[in-house]
Amino acid sequence: MNAAIGLSLIILFALGVPIAVSIVLASIIGIEFFSRLPLLLVPQQMFVGIDHFPLMAIPFFILAGNLMAAGGISRRLVDLAKSIVGGLQGGLAMTCVLTCMMFAAVSGSSVATTFAIGSILIPAMVKHDYPRPLAASIQASSAELGVLIPPSIPLILYGVSTDTSIGKLFIAGIGPGLLIGGALLLFLYLFCKVRGYGLKDREDREAFPTAFKRAWAAMLMPVVVIGGIYGGVFTPTEASAVAVVYALVVGGLVYRELSWAELVPILKESVISTAAVMLIISAAALFSFLISRSGLPTQVAGWVTQVFESPWTFLLAVNVMLLVIGMFIETSAAILVLAPIFTPIAMQYGIDPVHFGLIVVVNLALGMFTPPLGVNLFAACAVAKLSIDQLLPWLVRFVLVVLACLLAITYMPWISLGLVDLLY
């Protein structure tokens, strides 16, 4: 049955069938023609896959991100970031990274970050004589921080699929997020110095006190959400609902840029995004059930432990595999299918599941801005009105920077676990 499902998946992917539909169809083929299991398992397991209370956080964080983009929060964060680093050569490019770090702390979605920040900063960078493909590449790679710095939808999915504490995963995401953000900032500063970009970046820059006064309500949101979680006031799932209420209050009452008329399209967009994610989750749950029932995880675990004798070689092999998979399979689906298989194996090697979760998410997040199926790449190209092939020569540099950070995160567990050990 495993071979039939795998072959069916490859054929359906090659035909361009959407990922969630491909997984369901391949599972149905395996059940109907290569097993004695009833087809009733299909709706049953798909429902079981989304019948988890922590998954309620996903639609709320998606809605909160859309509300913040429409409520003027993203523009104020851009102005604040520019007031901090805009005085440096290359400051506008660095503003993109810094703003993505700030927006990531309130949205949880890299695609939302790409559209919300890219629609402001890509035209601004082009106006300041940055090549358009470079501006789009900076945005696509910086938006990856949206899935690392809490709240993070991929970290929620990893926690649900592996029964790992979402609270610990959120805390563990701070270190890797800061490392990648800092590495991108340093690279862009040096790159702009050498290549002569960003000489006009000091123009149109607000003073920090002015920018902070306009953005303080937006900056307070991560404090409320994350502080509430670790202060024991509410759970990560409840925090997502708090984020929605806070975004409504700030956008509608504080900044007064969010009207009742805008709520309907915002809700519609959020429902569509949520439905897409939930369909992938339910399809992946069905697939994982069939794979687990066939005994494949046990076989894979036995093979892996025989071939790779040390945690170092195991992690290297997993990273290479995830890099390839992340280029072709959507991040959420890859996490839900692969995490339940490899996390128990990692634990046999003595690797902390929280640390392993960050390795998986950082690695698969690379696939968000690498061809052929990088969602951030498509989003940045849509905003910049470019084709993917125009970005590739510029994009390689950013991929290498994040790869170097991935190696550090993989082999230096304290980057992920330092804050977790301190708080727990």
Protein backbone atom coordinates (compact mmCIF):
# COMPACT_ATOMS: atom_id res chain seq x y z
CA MET A 1 0.00 0.00 0.00
CA ASN A 2 2.84 2.42 0.80
CA ALA A 3 4.32 2.01 -2.67
CA ALA A 4 0.93 2.60 -4.30
CA ILE A 5 0.31 5.75 -2.23
CA GLY A 6 3.82 7.06 -2.94
CA LEU A 7 3.57 6.45 -6.69
CA SER A 8 0.11 8.00 -6.81
CA LEU A 9 1.41 11.09 -4.99
CA ILE A 10 4.28 11.53 -7.45
CA ILE A 11 1.94 11.23 -10.46
CA LEU A 12 -0.61 13.64 -8.99
CA PHE A 13 2.08 16.18 -8.08
CA ALA A 14 3.47 15.93 -11.63
CA LEU A 15 -0.01 16.61 -13.02
CA GLY A 16 -0.24 19.78 -10.95
CA VAL A 17 -3.02 18.59 -8.64
CA PRO A 18 -3.14 20.68 -5.40
CA ILE A 19 -1.20 19.14 -2.50
CA ALA A 20 -4.16 18.49 -0.19
CA VAL A 21 -6.23 16.93 -2.98
CA SER A 22 -3.25 14.81 -4.07
CA ILE A 23 -2.77 13.42 -0.58
CA VAL A 24 -6.47 12.53 -0.20
CA LEU A 25 -6.71 10.91 -3.65
CA ALA A 26 -3.51 8.92 -3.14
CA SER A 27 -4.80 7.72 0.24
CA ILE A 28 -8.14 6.69 -1.29
CA ILE A 29 -6.34 4.74 -4.02
CA GLY A 30 -4.24 2.93 -1.41
CA ILE A 31 -7.26 2.06 0.74
CA GLU A 32 -9.57 0.99 -2.09
CA PHE A 33 -7.21 -1.08 -4.24
CA PHE A 34 -4.33 -2.16 -1.98
CA SER A 35 -5.89 -2.82 1.42
CA ARG A 36 -8.96 -4.21 3.12
CA LEU A 37 -9.69 -1.04 5.05
CA PRO A 38 -13.11 0.64 4.58
CA LEU A 39 -13.35 3.98 2.80
CA LEU A 40 -15.19 5.26 5.85
CA LEU A 41 -11.71 5.83 7.29
CA VAL A 42 -11.20 8.77 4.91
CA PRO A 43 -13.70 11.24 6.44
CA GLN A 44 -13.16 9.78 9.91
CA GLN A 45 -9.40 10.32 10.00
CA MET A 46 -9.65 13.68 8.24
CA PHE A 47 -11.97 14.87 11.01
CA VAL A 48 -9.75 13.40 13.73
CA GLY A 49 -6.82 15.33 12.24
CA ILE A 50 -8.44 18.72 12.82
CA ASP A 51 -10.20 17.80 16.07
CA HIS A 52 -7.50 19.40 18.24
CA PHE A 53 -8.17 22.47 20.37
CA PRO A 54 -4.70 24.03 19.78
CA LEU A 55 -5.50 24.21 16.04
CA MET A 56 -8.07 26.89 16.88
CA ALA A 57 -5.09 29.25 17.14
CA ILE A 58 -4.51 29.08 13.37
CA PRO A 59 -7.65 30.90 12.12
CA PHE A 60 -7.33 33.48 14.90
CA PHE A 61 -3.69 34.29 14.14
CA ILE A 62 -4.46 34.47 10.40
CA LEU A 63 -7.33 36.87 11.12
CA ALA A 64 -5.17 38.94 13.49
CA GLY A 65 -2.47 39.27 10.82
CA ASN A 66 -4.98 40.42 8.19
CA LEU A 67 -6.54 42.91 10.60
CA MET A 68 -3.13 44.37 11.41
CA ALA A 69 -2.20 44.72 7.74
CA ALA A 70 -5.45 46.60 7.06
CA GLY A 71 -5.35 48.64 10.27
CA GLY A 72 -2.20 50.62 9.53
CA ILE A 73 0.03 48.61 11.87
CA SER A 74 2.42 47.41 9.15
CA ARG A 75 3.10 50.97 7.90
CA ARG A 76 3.84 52.21 11.42
CA LEU A 77 6.21 49.30 12.04
CA VAL A 78 8.06 50.18 8.82
CA ASP A 79 8.45 53.79 9.98
CA LEU A 80 9.70 52.64 13.40
CA ALA A 81 12.23 50.23 11.89
CA LYS A 82 13.45 52.89 9.48
CA SER A 83 13.94 55.33 12.36
CA ILE A 84 16.24 52.75 14.02
CA VAL A 85 18.44 51.60 11.10
CA GLY A 86 17.53 54.03 8.31
CA GLY A 87 20.48 56.28 9.09
CA LEU A 88 22.95 53.62 7.90
CA GLN A 89 23.92 52.95 4.31
CA GLY A 90 21.64 50.11 3.26
CA GLY A 91 19.28 51.11 6.04
CA LEU A 92 16.16 50.69 3.90
CA ALA A 93 17.09 47.08 3.10
CA MET A 94 17.79 46.51 6.79
CA THR A 95 14.44 48.14 7.59
CA CYS A 96 12.79 45.35 5.61
CA VAL A 97 14.40 42.68 7.81
CA LEU A 98 13.73 44.53 11.06
CA THR A 99 10.09 45.22 10.14
CA CYS A 100 9.56 41.56 9.24
CA MET A 101 10.90 40.60 12.67
CA MET A 102 8.43 42.99 14.32
CA PHE A 103 5.49 41.94 12.15
CA ALA A 104 6.34 38.27 12.68
CA ALA A 105 5.85 38.79 16.39
CA VAL A 106 2.22 39.70 15.78
CA SER A 107 1.11 37.80 12.66
CA GLY A 108 2.59 34.27 12.67
CA SER A 109 2.42 34.02 8.86
CA SER A 110 5.26 34.59 6.40
CA VAL A 111 2.94 35.11 3.42
CA ALA A 112 0.96 37.77 5.30
CA THR A 113 4.26 39.41 6.20
CA THR A 114 5.39 39.39 2.55
CA PHE A 115 2.28 41.16 1.30
CA ALA A 116 1.88 43.55 4.23
CA ILE A 117 5.51 44.72 4.35
CA GLY A 118 6.51 44.09 0.73
CA SER A 119 3.75 46.31 -0.67
CA ILE A 120 5.34 49.21 1.25
CA LEU A 121 9.07 48.50 1.15
CA ILE A 122 9.66 46.97 -2.30
CA PRO A 123 8.49 50.16 -4.09
CA ALA A 124 10.42 52.25 -1.55
CA MET A 125 13.66 50.34 -2.19
CA VAL A 126 13.21 50.63 -5.96
CA LYS A 127 12.67 54.39 -5.54
CA HIS A 128 16.00 54.52 -3.64
CA ASP A 129 17.86 52.88 -6.57
CA TYR A 130 17.91 49.28 -5.33
CA PRO A 131 17.51 46.81 -8.23
CA ARG A 132 13.91 45.56 -8.21
CA PRO A 133 14.95 41.85 -8.11
CA LEU A 134 17.20 42.57 -5.10
CA ALA A 135 14.36 44.34 -3.28
CA ALA A 136 12.01 41.39 -3.90
CA SER A 137 14.69 38.90 -2.79
CA ILE A 138 15.26 40.80 0.46
CA GLN A 139 11.53 40.74 1.17
CA ALA A 140 11.06 37.06 0.30
CA SER A 141 13.93 35.92 2.53
CA SER A 142 13.13 38.28 5.42
CA ALA A 143 9.50 37.09 5.57
CA GLU A 144 10.78 33.65 6.60
CA LEU A 145 11.07 35.12 10.09
CA GLY A 146 7.28 35.03 10.24
CA VAL A 147 7.33 31.29 10.88
CA LEU A 148 10.06 31.40 13.54
CA ILE A 149 9.42 34.29 15.89
CA PRO A 150 6.32 33.46 17.95
CA PRO A 151 3.44 33.20 17.37
CA SER A 152 4.14 30.75 14.56
CA ILE A 153 1.61 28.61 12.70
CA PRO A 154 4.20 25.95 11.62
CA LEU A 155 5.37 25.61 15.24
CA ILE A 156 1.75 25.06 16.30
CA LEU A 157 1.40 22.34 13.66
CA TYR A 158 4.62 20.67 14.80
CA GLY A 159 3.48 20.77 18.41
CA VAL A 160 0.09 19.24 17.60
CA SER A 161 1.48 16.51 15.34
CA THR A 162 4.22 15.42 17.76
CA ASP A 163 2.54 16.19 21.10
CA THR A 164 5.25 18.72 21.95
CA SER A 165 4.61 21.75 24.17
CA ILE A 166 3.61 24.68 21.96
CA GLY A 167 4.62 27.10 24.72
CA LYS A 168 8.17 25.72 24.75
CA LEU A 169 8.31 25.78 20.93
CA PHE A 170 7.29 29.44 20.91
CA ILE A 171 10.05 30.34 23.38
CA ALA A 172 12.56 28.20 21.46
CA GLY A 173 11.73 30.07 18.24
CA ILE A 174 12.97 33.39 19.61
CA GLY A 175 16.69 32.49 19.50
CA PRO A 176 16.74 31.14 15.91
CA GLY A 177 14.55 34.05 14.77
CA LEU A 178 16.94 36.60 16.24
CA LEU A 179 19.96 34.73 14.83
CA ILE A 180 18.60 34.67 11.26
CA GLY A 181 17.36 38.26 11.52
CA GLY A 182 20.74 39.43 12.83
CA ALA A 183 22.63 37.51 10.14
CA LEU A 184 20.50 39.05 7.39
CA LEU A 185 20.99 42.54 8.87
CA LEU A 186 24.79 42.10 9.00
CA PHE A 187 24.93 40.67 5.49
CA LEU A 188 22.84 43.50 4.02
CA TYR A 189 24.92 46.16 5.76
CA LEU A 190 28.17 44.73 4.35
CA PHE A 191 26.65 43.98 0.92
CA CYS A 192 25.28 47.51 0.49
CA LYS A 193 28.61 48.99 1.63
CA VAL A 194 30.53 46.96 -0.96
CA ARG A 195 28.06 47.37 -3.84
CA GLY A 196 27.19 51.01 -3.14
CA TYR A 197 23.45 50.56 -2.60
CA GLY A 198 21.37 52.59 -0.19
CA LEU A 199 23.18 55.91 -0.38
CA LYS A 200 19.84 57.79 -0.24
CA ASP A 201 18.33 55.77 2.59
CA ARG A 202 18.58 58.60 5.10
CA GLU A 203 15.91 60.56 3.23
CA ASP A 204 12.29 60.66 4.51
CA ARG A 205 13.33 59.19 7.85
CA GLU A 206 11.37 60.07 10.98
CA ALA A 207 13.01 60.69 14.33
CA PHE A 208 12.83 57.66 16.62
CA PRO A 209 10.65 59.34 19.32
CA THR A 210 8.09 60.36 16.68
CA ALA A 211 8.02 56.94 15.03
CA PHE A 212 7.81 55.16 18.38
CA LYS A 213 4.94 57.38 19.51
CA ARG A 214 2.98 56.39 16.38
CA ALA A 215 3.83 52.68 16.67
CA TRP A 216 3.75 52.03 20.41
CA ALA A 217 0.33 50.37 20.31
CA ALA A 218 1.49 47.99 17.58
CA MET A 219 4.69 47.16 19.48
CA LEU A 220 2.70 46.43 22.63
CA MET A 221 0.85 43.55 20.98
CA PRO A 222 3.68 40.95 21.18
CA VAL A 223 4.15 41.92 24.82
CA VAL A 224 0.46 41.29 25.53
CA VAL A 225 0.29 38.01 23.59
CA ILE A 226 3.63 36.43 24.53
CA GLY A 227 3.67 37.92 28.03
CA GLY A 228 0.17 36.60 28.67
CA ILE A 229 1.17 33.09 27.62
CA TYR A 230 4.24 32.89 29.84
CA GLY A 231 2.64 34.82 32.64
CA GLY A 232 0.05 32.07 32.89
CA VAL A 233 -2.83 34.42 32.01
CA PHE A 234 -3.92 32.42 28.95
CA THR A 235 -2.87 29.50 26.74
CA PRO A 236 -1.33 29.91 23.25
CA THR A 237 -4.74 29.10 21.76
CA GLU A 238 -6.50 31.70 23.89
CA ALA A 239 -3.71 34.15 23.04
CA SER A 240 -4.70 33.97 19.38
CA ALA A 241 -8.20 35.22 20.24
CA VAL A 242 -6.67 37.98 22.36
CA ALA A 243 -4.55 38.96 19.34
CA VAL A 244 -7.70 39.38 17.22
CA VAL A 245 -9.40 41.57 19.81
CA TYR A 246 -6.23 43.65 20.24
CA ALA A 247 -5.86 44.09 16.45
CA LEU A 248 -9.48 45.24 16.22
CA VAL A 249 -9.06 47.74 19.05
CA VAL A 250 -5.76 49.15 17.76
CA GLY A 251 -6.78 49.30 14.09
CA GLY A 252 -10.31 50.55 14.72
CA LEU A 253 -10.12 52.74 17.82
CA VAL A 254 -6.47 53.77 18.30
CA TYR A 255 -5.34 54.28 14.68
CA ARG A 256 -8.89 54.62 13.26
CA GLU A 257 -7.89 53.05 9.93
CA LEU A 258 -10.07 49.94 10.20
CA SER A 259 -13.70 50.49 9.21
CA TRP A 260 -16.73 48.20 9.42
CA ALA A 261 -16.85 48.04 5.62
CA GLU A 262 -13.35 46.54 5.51
CA LEU A 263 -14.18 43.71 7.93
CA VAL A 264 -16.16 41.64 5.41
CA PRO A 265 -13.30 41.26 2.86
CA ILE A 266 -10.83 40.71 5.72
CA LEU A 267 -13.00 37.93 7.18
CA LYS A 268 -13.48 36.41 3.72
CA GLU A 269 -9.72 36.36 3.06
CA SER A 270 -9.07 34.85 6.50
CA VAL A 271 -11.69 32.12 5.98
CA ILE A 272 -10.18 31.15 2.61
CA SER A 273 -6.66 31.01 4.07
CA THR A 274 -7.86 28.99 7.08
CA ALA A 275 -9.79 26.54 4.89
CA ALA A 276 -6.69 25.91 2.77
CA VAL A 277 -4.53 25.22 5.83
CA MET A 278 -7.15 23.02 7.53
CA LEU A 279 -7.67 20.96 4.38
CA ILE A 280 -3.95 20.26 4.24
CA ILE A 281 -3.95 19.33 7.95
CA SER A 282 -6.87 16.92 7.58
CA ALA A 283 -5.40 15.34 4.44
CA ALA A 284 -2.01 14.93 6.12
CA ALA A 285 -3.71 13.32 9.15
CA LEU A 286 -5.28 10.68 6.90
CA PHE A 287 -1.95 10.06 5.18
CA SER A 288 -0.09 9.81 8.51
CA PHE A 289 -2.65 7.31 9.84
CA LEU A 290 -2.18 5.02 6.85
CA ILE A 291 1.61 5.30 6.95
CA SER A 292 1.69 4.60 10.71
CA ARG A 293 -0.69 1.63 10.38
CA SER A 294 1.55 0.10 7.74
CA GLY A 295 4.52 0.09 10.14
CA LEU A 296 6.66 2.30 7.90
CA PRO A 297 7.84 4.63 10.72
CA THR A 298 9.19 1.64 12.66
CA GLN A 299 10.97 0.34 9.55
CA VAL A 300 12.42 3.77 8.80
CA ALA A 301 13.56 4.14 12.41
CA GLY A 302 15.31 0.77 12.29
CA TRP A 303 17.04 1.60 9.01
CA VAL A 304 18.10 5.08 10.15
CA THR A 305 19.59 3.88 13.44
CA GLN A 306 21.62 1.25 11.55
CA VAL A 307 22.93 3.65 8.88
CA PHE A 308 23.58 6.74 11.02
CA GLU A 309 25.47 5.94 14.18
CA SER A 310 25.67 9.43 15.71
CA PRO A 311 23.22 12.30 16.21
CA TRP A 312 25.45 14.53 14.06
CA THR A 313 25.21 12.36 10.97
CA PHE A 314 21.48 11.78 11.54
CA LEU A 315 20.81 15.53 11.73
CA LEU A 316 22.89 16.14 8.61
CA ALA A 317 20.92 13.52 6.68
CA VAL A 318 17.58 14.92 7.91
CA ASN A 319 18.59 18.45 6.94
CA VAL A 320 19.55 17.43 3.41
CA MET A 321 16.29 15.53 2.97
CA LEU A 322 14.16 18.37 4.36
CA LEU A 323 15.90 20.91 2.13
CA VAL A 324 14.94 18.92 -0.96
CA ILE A 325 11.40 18.20 0.26
CA GLY A 326 10.85 21.84 1.26
CA MET A 327 11.46 22.94 -2.33
CA PHE A 328 8.56 20.86 -3.63
CA ILE A 329 6.03 20.38 -0.81
CA GLU A 330 4.10 23.02 1.13
CA THR A 331 5.54 23.59 4.61
CA SER A 332 2.42 22.69 6.61
CA ALA A 333 1.92 19.40 4.77
CA ALA A 334 5.62 18.48 5.10
CA ILE A 335 5.56 19.12 8.87
CA LEU A 336 2.38 17.12 9.44
CA VAL A 337 3.58 14.14 7.39
CA LEU A 338 7.26 14.00 8.36
CA ALA A 339 7.41 15.29 11.94
CA PRO A 340 5.55 12.31 13.49
CA ILE A 341 7.95 9.96 11.68
CA PHE A 342 11.29 11.61 12.46
CA THR A 343 10.72 13.13 15.90
CA PRO A 344 10.61 9.74 17.72
CA ILE A 345 13.79 8.74 15.87
CA ALA A 346 15.48 11.99 16.91
CA MET A 347 14.50 11.30 20.52
CA GLN A 348 16.21 7.88 20.29
CA TYR A 349 19.42 9.78 19.52
CA GLY A 350 18.88 11.94 22.61
CA ILE A 351 17.83 15.02 20.63
CA ASP A 352 15.33 17.24 22.42
CA PRO A 353 11.99 17.31 20.50
CA VAL A 354 11.75 21.09 20.95
CA HIS A 355 15.22 21.56 19.43
CA PHE A 356 14.37 19.13 16.63
CA GLY A 357 11.14 21.02 15.97
CA LEU A 358 13.06 24.23 15.36
CA ILE A 359 15.44 22.42 13.00
CA VAL A 360 12.48 21.07 11.01
CA VAL A 361 10.65 24.41 10.84
CA VAL A 362 13.75 26.50 9.97
CA ASN A 363 14.73 24.01 7.28
CA LEU A 364 11.30 23.81 5.68
CA ALA A 365 10.96 27.59 5.94
CA LEU A 366 13.86 27.80 3.48
CA GLY A 367 11.54 26.20 0.96
CA MET A 368 9.24 29.20 1.29
CA PHE A 369 11.66 31.36 -0.71
CA THR A 370 13.34 28.79 -2.97
CA PRO A 371 12.03 27.66 -6.36
CA PRO A 372 10.04 25.99 -7.72
CA LEU A 373 7.21 26.21 -5.13
CA GLY A 374 8.28 28.88 -2.61
CA VAL A 375 5.13 30.69 -1.45
CA ASN A 376 7.07 33.76 -0.25
CA LEU A 377 8.84 33.84 -3.58
CA PHE A 378 5.56 33.92 -5.48
CA ALA A 379 4.17 36.58 -3.12
CA ALA A 380 7.26 38.81 -3.49
CA CYS A 381 7.21 38.37 -7.27
CA ALA A 382 3.53 39.34 -7.33
CA VAL A 383 4.21 42.52 -5.35
CA ALA A 384 7.32 43.42 -7.39
CA LYS A 385 5.75 42.35 -10.71
CA LEU A 386 8.70 40.13 -11.61
CA SER A 387 9.20 36.53 -12.71
CA ILE A 388 10.98 34.03 -10.48
CA ASP A 389 13.93 33.61 -12.86
CA GLN A 390 14.74 37.33 -12.47
CA LEU A 391 15.18 36.85 -8.71
CA LEU A 392 17.35 33.73 -8.76
CA PRO A 393 20.81 35.36 -9.19
CA TRP A 394 20.10 37.63 -6.19
CA LEU A 395 18.34 35.03 -4.10
CA VAL A 396 21.30 32.65 -3.82
CA ARG A 397 23.09 34.97 -1.39
CA PHE A 398 20.19 34.98 1.05
CA VAL A 399 19.73 31.22 0.84
CA LEU A 400 23.40 30.75 1.81
CA VAL A 401 23.04 33.13 4.79
CA VAL A 402 20.02 31.21 6.13
CA LEU A 403 21.75 27.87 5.45
CA ALA A 404 24.69 28.97 7.61
CA CYS A 405 22.22 29.89 10.38
CA LEU A 406 20.50 26.51 9.98
CA LEU A 407 23.80 24.71 10.59
CA ALA A 408 24.38 26.79 13.72
CA ILE A 409 20.86 26.05 14.99
CA THR A 410 21.31 22.33 14.24
CA TYR A 411 24.61 21.81 16.02
CA MET A 412 24.31 24.44 18.76
CA PRO A 413 21.16 23.41 20.69
CA TRP A 414 21.53 26.27 23.18
CA ILE A 415 20.39 28.72 20.47
CA SER A 416 16.95 27.12 20.64
CA LEU A 417 16.92 25.72 24.16
CA GLY A 418 18.70 28.46 26.12
CA LEU A 419 15.56 30.48 26.89
CA VAL A 420 13.48 27.30 27.34
CA ASP A 421 15.86 26.00 30.01
CA LEU A 422 15.89 29.40 31.67
CA LEU A 423 12.09 29.70 31.86
CA TYR A 424 11.20 26.06 32.46
